[in-house]
Amino acid sequence: MKTIIITLKGILLWVTALSITLFIIGGFESLLEAERWLPAIIWLVINIILGYLCYYNLSYRECYKLSGRQWFERLIR
């Protein structure tokens, strides 16, 4: 049961990171330039909800493990 919860938290972390990154890189601005307000507002609300869920469901230690930083530090040593 614990591995299922950790897996779901990892999926939540990476989906949030990908969604917010795409939102910042260009999705939001292109939607506003095309005068599509509703999809831009919906995407903004989804990103706020995902960020809120990550903030309250993931501890610092879990973020460290799930982000791959621990694995990357072992790889470069």
Protein backbone atom coordinates (compact mmCIF):
# COMPACT_ATOMS: atom_id res chain seq x y z
CA MET A 1 0.00 0.00 0.00
CA LYS A 2 2.85 2.35 0.83
CA THR A 3 4.47 1.87 -2.59
CA ILE A 4 1.19 2.75 -4.30
CA ILE A 5 0.95 5.99 -2.32
CA ILE A 6 4.57 6.88 -3.09
CA THR A 7 3.99 6.13 -6.78
CA LEU A 8 0.90 8.36 -6.86
CA LYS A 9 2.82 11.14 -5.13
CA GLY A 10 5.59 10.82 -7.71
CA ILE A 11 3.07 11.07 -10.53
CA LEU A 12 1.54 14.12 -8.86
CA LEU A 13 4.96 15.76 -8.52
CA TRP A 14 6.00 15.19 -12.14
CA VAL A 15 2.62 16.10 -13.65
CA THR A 16 2.66 19.33 -11.65
CA ALA A 17 6.21 20.14 -12.71
CA LEU A 18 5.46 19.47 -16.38
CA SER A 19 2.19 21.40 -16.36
CA ILE A 20 3.63 24.47 -14.66
CA THR A 21 6.71 24.42 -16.90
CA LEU A 22 4.61 24.29 -20.07
CA PHE A 23 2.35 26.98 -18.65
CA ILE A 24 5.29 29.30 -18.02
CA ILE A 25 7.21 28.61 -21.23
CA GLY A 26 4.55 29.65 -23.62
CA GLY A 27 1.15 28.15 -23.26
CA PHE A 28 -0.38 30.97 -21.31
CA GLU A 29 0.93 33.79 -23.47
CA SER A 30 -0.09 32.14 -26.73
CA LEU A 31 -3.60 31.57 -25.39
CA LEU A 32 -3.93 35.21 -24.41
CA GLU A 33 -2.62 36.42 -27.78
CA ALA A 34 -5.21 34.29 -29.55
CA GLU A 35 -7.86 35.82 -27.28
CA ARG A 36 -8.87 32.50 -25.83
CA TRP A 37 -9.53 33.50 -22.25
CA LEU A 38 -11.44 30.48 -21.02
CA PRO A 39 -8.73 27.84 -21.69
CA ALA A 40 -6.10 30.15 -20.20
CA ILE A 41 -8.12 30.64 -17.02
CA ILE A 42 -8.89 26.91 -16.75
CA TRP A 43 -5.20 26.03 -17.15
CA LEU A 44 -4.26 28.62 -14.54
CA VAL A 45 -6.79 27.20 -12.06
CA ILE A 46 -5.57 23.63 -12.71
CA ASN A 47 -1.96 24.68 -12.06
CA ILE A 48 -2.94 26.42 -8.83
CA ILE A 49 -4.79 23.30 -7.66
CA LEU A 50 -1.87 21.02 -8.58
CA GLY A 51 0.58 23.29 -6.77
CA TYR A 52 -1.65 23.35 -3.71
CA LEU A 53 -1.92 19.54 -3.71
CA CYS A 54 1.85 19.14 -3.97
CA TYR A 55 2.51 21.66 -1.23
CA TYR A 56 0.26 19.93 1.27
CA ASN A 57 0.79 16.28 0.33
CA LEU A 58 4.54 16.05 -0.23
CA SER A 59 7.19 16.45 2.41
CA TYR A 60 10.67 17.75 1.67
CA ARG A 61 12.13 14.24 2.01
CA GLU A 62 9.59 12.80 -0.43
CA CYS A 63 10.31 15.56 -2.95
CA TYR A 64 14.01 14.80 -2.64
CA LYS A 65 13.47 11.10 -3.34
CA LEU A 66 10.79 11.43 -6.02
CA SER A 67 12.47 14.18 -8.01
CA GLY A 68 15.46 11.98 -8.83
CA ARG A 69 17.97 14.26 -7.15
CA GLN A 70 19.22 11.50 -4.87
CA TRP A 71 19.81 9.23 -7.88
CA PHE A 72 21.52 12.04 -9.83
CA GLU A 73 23.89 12.83 -6.96
CA ARG A 74 24.95 9.17 -6.80
CA LEU A 75 25.42 9.13 -10.56
CA ILE A 76 27.79 12.11 -10.71
CA ARG A 77 30.02 10.94 -7.82
